[in-house]
Amino acid sequence: MATDYDAPRKTEEDTESIQALQERVPDKLSGVVDTEDADNLGSLELAGQDLANVELDVVVLPPQADEFTCVECFLVKHRSQVDHETKLGSVCQECSR
C-alpha cells in the first residue's frame, strides 16, 4: 500500500489550542510543589537544614602502598595511573593530557 507523505497528518480538529496545552503542562516557575508524585516526603532535605546531630558511618582508610595522590587534581589513584613524576609529586594520566 502506498503512503502519501505529503498529505497533512493531522486535521484541524485533531490539533489542540495553545491554551489547552499550557493547562496540561505544569508551570515550573510557580513554586508550587506537587505532593502527589512525592515518594517519600520524610526524606525531603531543605537548603540550610541543620545536620549537626546526624552521624555518618564512613570508614577512612590510610593511603595504601600501591596508591598515590595526584598533585594536579588531588585524587587518590592507583600507582598504574601515574604519568610522570615532578618535584612536587606524581601526576596522573588524566591531568597530563
Protein backbone atom coordinates (compact mmCIF):
# COMPACT_ATOMS: atom_id res chain seq x y z
CA MET A 1 0.00 0.00 0.00
CA ALA A 2 1.39 3.41 -0.99
CA THR A 3 1.64 6.21 1.58
CA ASP A 4 1.31 9.85 0.65
CA TYR A 5 3.93 11.55 2.85
CA ASP A 6 2.93 14.99 1.59
CA ALA A 7 -0.58 14.70 2.97
CA PRO A 8 -1.30 16.52 6.24
CA ARG A 9 -1.03 14.20 9.21
CA LYS A 10 -3.47 15.98 11.49
CA THR A 11 -6.65 17.75 10.77
CA GLU A 12 -7.73 21.00 12.42
CA GLU A 13 -9.93 19.15 14.90
CA ASP A 14 -7.00 16.91 15.95
CA THR A 15 -4.75 19.80 16.94
CA GLU A 16 -5.07 21.32 20.38
CA SER A 17 -5.04 25.00 21.11
CA ILE A 18 -2.05 26.56 22.83
CA GLN A 19 -4.23 27.29 25.86
CA ALA A 20 -5.16 23.62 26.21
CA LEU A 21 -1.50 22.60 26.01
CA GLN A 22 -0.49 25.19 28.62
CA GLU A 23 -3.14 23.87 31.00
CA ARG A 24 -1.75 20.34 30.72
CA VAL A 25 1.89 21.35 31.31
CA PRO A 26 2.64 22.44 34.91
CA ASP A 27 4.18 25.88 35.39
CA LYS A 28 7.75 25.23 36.54
CA LEU A 29 8.24 28.77 37.82
CA SER A 30 5.17 28.83 40.03
CA GLY A 31 6.94 27.39 43.11
CA VAL A 32 4.05 25.04 43.85
CA VAL A 33 5.18 21.62 44.99
CA ASP A 34 3.24 18.68 43.59
CA THR A 35 2.94 16.35 46.58
CA GLU A 36 1.04 13.63 44.72
CA ASP A 37 4.19 12.41 42.97
CA ALA A 38 6.41 12.54 46.03
CA ASP A 39 7.50 9.06 47.05
CA ASN A 40 8.87 9.86 50.48
CA LEU A 41 8.17 13.25 51.98
CA GLY A 42 10.12 12.38 55.14
CA SER A 43 13.43 12.37 53.29
CA LEU A 44 12.96 15.84 51.82
CA GLU A 45 16.00 17.96 52.70
CA LEU A 46 15.82 21.72 52.60
CA ALA A 47 18.71 24.08 51.95
CA GLY A 48 20.23 25.35 55.19
CA GLN A 49 18.86 22.45 57.23
CA ASP A 50 20.71 21.79 60.50
CA LEU A 51 22.51 18.46 60.15
CA ALA A 52 24.66 18.77 63.29
CA ASN A 53 23.08 15.76 65.00
CA VAL A 54 23.39 13.40 62.00
CA GLU A 55 26.09 10.75 62.30
CA LEU A 56 27.73 9.35 59.18
CA ASP A 57 29.24 5.88 59.12
CA VAL A 58 32.31 6.34 56.91
CA VAL A 59 35.48 4.31 57.14
CA VAL A 60 38.54 6.27 56.03
CA LEU A 61 41.49 4.13 55.05
CA PRO A 62 45.08 5.38 55.15
CA PRO A 63 46.91 5.62 51.80
CA GLN A 64 47.85 2.19 50.53
CA ALA A 65 51.29 1.22 49.23
CA ASP A 66 50.01 0.96 45.65
CA GLU A 67 48.28 4.38 45.65
CA PHE A 68 49.39 7.97 45.10
CA THR A 69 47.79 11.41 45.32
CA CYS A 70 47.91 13.42 42.12
CA VAL A 71 49.43 16.88 42.67
CA GLU A 72 47.11 18.36 39.99
CA CYS A 73 43.63 17.02 40.83
CA PHE A 74 44.39 15.80 44.40
CA LEU A 75 42.63 12.49 43.80
CA VAL A 76 44.00 9.25 45.22
CA LYS A 77 44.68 6.87 42.34
CA HIS A 78 46.30 3.51 41.74
CA ARG A 79 50.03 3.52 41.02
CA SER A 80 49.34 2.20 37.49
CA GLN A 81 47.80 5.59 36.60
CA VAL A 82 51.00 7.59 37.19
CA ASP A 83 52.02 9.50 34.07
CA HIS A 84 55.13 11.27 35.33
CA GLU A 85 56.85 12.48 38.48
CA THR A 86 57.53 16.14 39.29
CA LYS A 87 59.41 17.86 42.10
CA LEU A 88 56.11 18.16 43.98
CA GLY A 89 54.91 14.58 43.44
CA SER A 90 53.17 12.33 40.93
CA VAL A 91 50.79 13.44 38.16
CA CYS A 92 48.06 11.11 36.92
CA GLN A 93 47.43 10.26 33.27
CA GLU A 94 44.21 12.30 33.09
CA CYS A 95 45.87 15.52 34.31
CA SER A 96 48.82 15.17 31.95
CA ARG A 97 46.58 15.33 28.86
